[in-house]
Amino acid sequence: MSQGLAWTLLVVAGVLDVAWAVSMKYAQGYTRPGWSIVSVLLLAAFVYLLGRVLEALPVGTAYAVWTGIGAAGTVIMGVVLFGETLSPLRLGGVVVVLLGIAMLKLAEA
């Protein structure tokens, strides 16, 4: 797998992680069967992709980038979908996470 494809799949895995977190919220403690199935499928998909990505990228960088995408994306989706507040401090935290992701990516170049 090329480095470019690995980075692309890592971003996809991060987005799937965000979708998984949202689906867990909709599954309401896994009491709603449809959303529960979606949640498990999303979980399987991002774990598979992350495993493939780790064949080509350093584990520390890949895992940090993946969790950063998941954390930042989930905060944003919480605001958009569930009306969670985005205070200046929370927004600053998201910015710091995204800057960290960029720094890790640049360090690999």
N, C-alpha and C. Protein backbone atom coordinates (compact mmCIF):
# COMPACT_ATOMS: atom_id res chain seq x y z
N MET A 1 0.85 -1.18 0.00
CA MET A 1 0.00 0.00 0.00
C MET A 1 0.89 1.24 0.00
N SER A 2 0.56 2.19 -0.84
CA SER A 2 1.34 3.42 -0.91
C SER A 2 1.06 4.31 0.30
N GLN A 3 1.96 5.21 0.57
CA GLN A 3 1.78 6.15 1.68
C GLN A 3 0.55 7.03 1.46
N GLY A 4 0.35 7.46 0.22
CA GLY A 4 -0.80 8.31 -0.09
C GLY A 4 -2.11 7.60 0.17
N LEU A 5 -2.20 6.34 -0.26
CA LEU A 5 -3.41 5.57 -0.02
C LEU A 5 -3.60 5.32 1.47
N ALA A 6 -2.51 5.05 2.17
CA ALA A 6 -2.61 4.81 3.61
C ALA A 6 -3.15 6.04 4.34
N TRP A 7 -2.67 7.22 3.97
CA TRP A 7 -3.16 8.45 4.61
C TRP A 7 -4.63 8.69 4.27
N THR A 8 -5.00 8.41 3.03
CA THR A 8 -6.40 8.55 2.64
C THR A 8 -7.29 7.61 3.44
N LEU A 9 -6.88 6.36 3.56
CA LEU A 9 -7.67 5.39 4.32
C LEU A 9 -7.71 5.73 5.80
N LEU A 10 -6.64 6.35 6.29
CA LEU A 10 -6.63 6.78 7.68
C LEU A 10 -7.67 7.87 7.93
N VAL A 11 -7.79 8.80 7.01
CA VAL A 11 -8.81 9.84 7.12
C VAL A 11 -10.20 9.20 7.05
N VAL A 12 -10.39 8.26 6.14
CA VAL A 12 -11.68 7.57 6.04
C VAL A 12 -11.98 6.84 7.35
N ALA A 13 -10.99 6.18 7.92
CA ALA A 13 -11.19 5.49 9.20
C ALA A 13 -11.57 6.48 10.30
N GLY A 14 -10.96 7.66 10.29
CA GLY A 14 -11.31 8.69 11.26
C GLY A 14 -12.74 9.17 11.10
N VAL A 15 -13.17 9.34 9.87
CA VAL A 15 -14.55 9.76 9.60
C VAL A 15 -15.53 8.66 10.02
N LEU A 16 -15.18 7.41 9.75
CA LEU A 16 -16.02 6.30 10.20
C LEU A 16 -16.10 6.24 11.72
N ASP A 17 -15.01 6.61 12.39
CA ASP A 17 -15.01 6.66 13.85
C ASP A 17 -16.01 7.69 14.35
N VAL A 18 -16.06 8.83 13.69
CA VAL A 18 -17.03 9.87 14.05
C VAL A 18 -18.45 9.35 13.82
N ALA A 19 -18.67 8.72 12.67
CA ALA A 19 -19.99 8.17 12.37
C ALA A 19 -20.38 7.11 13.40
N TRP A 20 -19.42 6.32 13.83
CA TRP A 20 -19.66 5.30 14.85
C TRP A 20 -20.10 5.94 16.17
N ALA A 21 -19.40 6.98 16.59
CA ALA A 21 -19.77 7.66 17.83
C ALA A 21 -21.20 8.21 17.75
N VAL A 22 -21.52 8.81 16.61
CA VAL A 22 -22.88 9.35 16.42
C VAL A 22 -23.90 8.22 16.43
N SER A 23 -23.57 7.11 15.78
CA SER A 23 -24.51 5.99 15.74
C SER A 23 -24.73 5.40 17.13
N MET A 24 -23.70 5.43 17.97
CA MET A 24 -23.88 4.95 19.35
C MET A 24 -24.87 5.84 20.10
N LYS A 25 -24.79 7.14 19.87
CA LYS A 25 -25.73 8.06 20.51
C LYS A 25 -27.16 7.74 20.05
N TYR A 26 -27.32 7.55 18.75
CA TYR A 26 -28.65 7.22 18.22
C TYR A 26 -29.13 5.83 18.67
N ALA A 27 -28.19 4.92 18.94
CA ALA A 27 -28.56 3.57 19.38
C ALA A 27 -29.10 3.56 20.81
N GLN A 28 -28.91 4.66 21.53
CA GLN A 28 -29.44 4.82 22.89
C GLN A 28 -29.13 3.61 23.77
N GLY A 29 -27.82 3.42 23.98
CA GLY A 29 -27.41 2.32 24.84
C GLY A 29 -27.65 0.96 24.21
N TYR A 30 -27.63 0.92 22.91
CA TYR A 30 -27.87 -0.30 22.13
C TYR A 30 -29.26 -0.89 22.40
N THR A 31 -30.22 0.00 22.60
CA THR A 31 -31.61 -0.43 22.77
C THR A 31 -32.41 -0.30 21.48
N ARG A 32 -31.84 0.36 20.47
CA ARG A 32 -32.50 0.51 19.18
C ARG A 32 -31.78 -0.38 18.17
N PRO A 33 -32.41 -1.48 17.75
CA PRO A 33 -31.72 -2.48 16.92
C PRO A 33 -31.10 -1.94 15.63
N GLY A 34 -31.82 -1.11 14.90
CA GLY A 34 -31.29 -0.60 13.63
C GLY A 34 -30.00 0.17 13.83
N TRP A 35 -30.02 1.13 14.74
CA TRP A 35 -28.83 1.92 15.01
C TRP A 35 -27.73 1.08 15.65
N SER A 36 -28.10 0.07 16.40
CA SER A 36 -27.11 -0.81 17.01
C SER A 36 -26.34 -1.58 15.94
N ILE A 37 -27.06 -2.06 14.93
CA ILE A 37 -26.42 -2.76 13.82
C ILE A 37 -25.50 -1.82 13.05
N VAL A 38 -25.99 -0.62 12.77
CA VAL A 38 -25.16 0.38 12.08
C VAL A 38 -23.88 0.64 12.88
N SER A 39 -24.02 0.77 14.18
CA SER A 39 -22.88 1.04 15.04
C SER A 39 -21.83 -0.06 14.97
N VAL A 40 -22.27 -1.29 15.05
CA VAL A 40 -21.33 -2.42 15.00
C VAL A 40 -20.66 -2.50 13.64
N LEU A 41 -21.40 -2.25 12.56
CA LEU A 41 -20.81 -2.27 11.22
C LEU A 41 -19.77 -1.16 11.04
N LEU A 42 -20.08 0.03 11.55
CA LEU A 42 -19.11 1.13 11.46
C LEU A 42 -17.85 0.82 12.27
N LEU A 43 -18.04 0.24 13.43
CA LEU A 43 -16.91 -0.15 14.26
C LEU A 43 -16.02 -1.14 13.52
N ALA A 44 -16.63 -2.16 12.93
CA ALA A 44 -15.85 -3.15 12.19
C ALA A 44 -15.12 -2.51 11.01
N ALA A 45 -15.78 -1.59 10.33
CA ALA A 45 -15.17 -0.95 9.16
C ALA A 45 -13.96 -0.12 9.54
N PHE A 46 -14.07 0.70 10.60
CA PHE A 46 -12.91 1.54 10.92
C PHE A 46 -11.78 0.74 11.54
N VAL A 47 -12.08 -0.32 12.28
CA VAL A 47 -11.01 -1.16 12.83
C VAL A 47 -10.28 -1.86 11.70
N TYR A 48 -11.02 -2.36 10.71
CA TYR A 48 -10.38 -3.00 9.56
C TYR A 48 -9.46 -2.01 8.83
N LEU A 49 -9.99 -0.82 8.53
CA LEU A 49 -9.17 0.17 7.81
C LEU A 49 -7.95 0.58 8.62
N LEU A 50 -8.12 0.78 9.89
CA LEU A 50 -6.98 1.17 10.73
C LEU A 50 -5.93 0.06 10.71
N GLY A 51 -6.36 -1.17 10.78
CA GLY A 51 -5.42 -2.28 10.70
C GLY A 51 -4.64 -2.31 9.40
N ARG A 52 -5.31 -2.04 8.31
CA ARG A 52 -4.64 -1.98 7.00
C ARG A 52 -3.65 -0.83 6.93
N VAL A 53 -4.06 0.32 7.46
CA VAL A 53 -3.21 1.51 7.45
C VAL A 53 -1.92 1.27 8.23
N LEU A 54 -2.03 0.52 9.32
CA LEU A 54 -0.86 0.27 10.16
C LEU A 54 0.19 -0.59 9.48
N GLU A 55 -0.16 -1.19 8.34
CA GLU A 55 0.84 -1.91 7.55
C GLU A 55 1.82 -0.94 6.88
N ALA A 56 1.38 0.31 6.68
CA ALA A 56 2.20 1.25 5.92
C ALA A 56 2.66 2.47 6.72
N LEU A 57 1.96 2.80 7.80
CA LEU A 57 2.29 4.00 8.56
C LEU A 57 2.75 3.63 9.97
N PRO A 58 3.56 4.49 10.59
CA PRO A 58 3.98 4.24 11.97
C PRO A 58 2.77 4.23 12.91
N VAL A 59 2.74 3.27 13.81
CA VAL A 59 1.58 3.09 14.68
C VAL A 59 1.30 4.32 15.54
N GLY A 60 2.32 4.94 16.08
CA GLY A 60 2.11 6.10 16.95
C GLY A 60 1.46 7.26 16.22
N THR A 61 1.97 7.56 15.05
CA THR A 61 1.42 8.65 14.26
C THR A 61 0.02 8.32 13.77
N ALA A 62 -0.16 7.13 13.21
CA ALA A 62 -1.46 6.75 12.66
C ALA A 62 -2.53 6.75 13.75
N TYR A 63 -2.23 6.19 14.89
CA TYR A 63 -3.22 6.11 15.96
C TYR A 63 -3.56 7.51 16.48
N ALA A 64 -2.56 8.35 16.63
CA ALA A 64 -2.81 9.71 17.10
C ALA A 64 -3.65 10.50 16.11
N VAL A 65 -3.35 10.38 14.84
CA VAL A 65 -4.12 11.08 13.82
C VAL A 65 -5.55 10.57 13.80
N TRP A 66 -5.72 9.26 13.83
CA TRP A 66 -7.06 8.66 13.81
C TRP A 66 -7.89 9.12 15.02
N THR A 67 -7.31 9.06 16.20
CA THR A 67 -8.07 9.49 17.38
C THR A 67 -8.33 10.98 17.35
N GLY A 68 -7.40 11.76 16.81
CA GLY A 68 -7.62 13.20 16.70
C GLY A 68 -8.77 13.54 15.78
N ILE A 69 -8.82 12.87 14.63
CA ILE A 69 -9.94 13.07 13.72
C ILE A 69 -11.24 12.68 14.41
N GLY A 70 -11.21 11.56 15.09
CA GLY A 70 -12.40 11.09 15.80
C GLY A 70 -12.85 12.05 16.88
N ALA A 71 -11.90 12.54 17.66
CA ALA A 71 -12.25 13.45 18.76
C ALA A 71 -12.79 14.78 18.24
N ALA A 72 -12.07 15.39 17.32
CA ALA A 72 -12.50 16.68 16.78
C ALA A 72 -13.81 16.55 16.02
N GLY A 73 -13.91 15.53 15.20
CA GLY A 73 -15.12 15.33 14.42
C GLY A 73 -16.33 15.05 15.29
N THR A 74 -16.13 14.31 16.36
CA THR A 74 -17.25 13.99 17.25
C THR A 74 -17.72 15.22 18.00
N VAL A 75 -16.81 16.08 18.40
CA VAL A 75 -17.21 17.33 19.03
C VAL A 75 -18.05 18.16 18.07
N ILE A 76 -17.59 18.27 16.85
CA ILE A 76 -18.32 19.06 15.84
C ILE A 76 -19.69 18.46 15.57
N MET A 77 -19.76 17.13 15.43
CA MET A 77 -21.05 16.49 15.17
C MET A 77 -21.98 16.60 16.38
N GLY A 78 -21.42 16.60 17.57
CA GLY A 78 -22.25 16.80 18.77
C GLY A 78 -22.92 18.16 18.75
N VAL A 79 -22.20 19.16 18.29
CA VAL A 79 -22.76 20.51 18.18
C VAL A 79 -23.82 20.55 17.09
N VAL A 80 -23.50 20.00 15.93
CA VAL A 80 -24.40 20.07 14.78
C VAL A 80 -25.66 19.24 14.99
N LEU A 81 -25.51 18.01 15.45
CA LEU A 81 -26.64 17.08 15.51
C LEU A 81 -27.40 17.10 16.84
N PHE A 82 -26.69 17.37 17.92
CA PHE A 82 -27.30 17.20 19.24
C PHE A 82 -27.39 18.48 20.04
N GLY A 83 -27.03 19.60 19.43
CA GLY A 83 -27.16 20.89 20.10
C GLY A 83 -26.20 21.09 21.26
N GLU A 84 -25.10 20.36 21.28
CA GLU A 84 -24.12 20.55 22.34
C GLU A 84 -23.46 21.92 22.16
N THR A 85 -23.04 22.50 23.25
CA THR A 85 -22.45 23.84 23.19
C THR A 85 -21.01 23.78 22.71
N LEU A 86 -20.62 24.83 22.01
CA LEU A 86 -19.24 24.97 21.56
C LEU A 86 -18.70 26.26 22.14
N SER A 87 -18.22 26.17 23.34
CA SER A 87 -17.65 27.33 24.01
C SER A 87 -16.29 27.66 23.39
N PRO A 88 -15.79 28.85 23.66
CA PRO A 88 -14.45 29.18 23.15
C PRO A 88 -13.38 28.18 23.62
N LEU A 89 -13.51 27.69 24.84
CA LEU A 89 -12.52 26.74 25.35
C LEU A 89 -12.61 25.40 24.60
N ARG A 90 -13.82 24.92 24.34
CA ARG A 90 -13.98 23.67 23.57
C ARG A 90 -13.46 23.86 22.15
N LEU A 91 -13.79 25.00 21.53
CA LEU A 91 -13.30 25.28 20.19
C LEU A 91 -11.77 25.33 20.17
N GLY A 92 -11.19 25.95 21.18
CA GLY A 92 -9.73 25.99 21.29
C GLY A 92 -9.15 24.59 21.40
N GLY A 93 -9.81 23.72 22.14
CA GLY A 93 -9.35 22.34 22.26
C GLY A 93 -9.37 21.62 20.92
N VAL A 94 -10.41 21.83 20.14
CA VAL A 94 -10.49 21.22 18.82
C VAL A 94 -9.36 21.75 17.93
N VAL A 95 -9.11 23.04 18.00
CA VAL A 95 -8.03 23.63 17.20
C VAL A 95 -6.68 23.03 17.59
N VAL A 96 -6.45 22.85 18.88
CA VAL A 96 -5.19 22.26 19.34
C VAL A 96 -5.05 20.83 18.83
N VAL A 97 -6.14 20.07 18.86
CA VAL A 97 -6.10 18.70 18.35
C VAL A 97 -5.76 18.71 16.86
N LEU A 98 -6.41 19.57 16.09
CA LEU A 98 -6.15 19.63 14.65
C LEU A 98 -4.73 20.09 14.35
N LEU A 99 -4.21 21.02 15.13
CA LEU A 99 -2.81 21.43 14.95
C LEU A 99 -1.86 20.28 15.26
N GLY A 100 -2.20 19.50 16.28
CA GLY A 100 -1.39 18.33 16.60
C GLY A 100 -1.38 17.32 15.48
N ILE A 101 -2.53 17.10 14.87
CA ILE A 101 -2.62 16.18 13.72
C ILE A 101 -1.73 16.68 12.59
N ALA A 102 -1.82 17.97 12.29
CA ALA A 102 -1.00 18.54 11.21
C ALA A 102 0.48 18.39 11.52
N MET A 103 0.86 18.62 12.76
CA MET A 103 2.28 18.49 13.14
C MET A 103 2.76 17.06 13.00
N LEU A 104 1.94 16.09 13.38
CA LEU A 104 2.34 14.69 13.23
C LEU A 104 2.49 14.31 11.76
N LYS A 105 1.59 14.80 10.94
CA LYS A 105 1.67 14.51 9.50
C LYS A 105 2.93 15.14 8.92
N LEU A 106 3.22 16.37 9.29
CA LEU A 106 4.41 17.05 8.78
C LEU A 106 5.69 16.38 9.26
N ALA A 107 5.67 15.84 10.47
CA ALA A 107 6.85 15.18 11.01
C ALA A 107 7.19 13.91 10.24
N GLU A 108 6.20 13.31 9.60
CA GLU A 108 6.42 12.09 8.82
C GLU A 108 6.96 12.38 7.43
N ALA A 109 6.84 13.63 6.97
CA ALA A 109 7.24 13.96 5.59
C ALA A 109 8.74 13.89 5.42
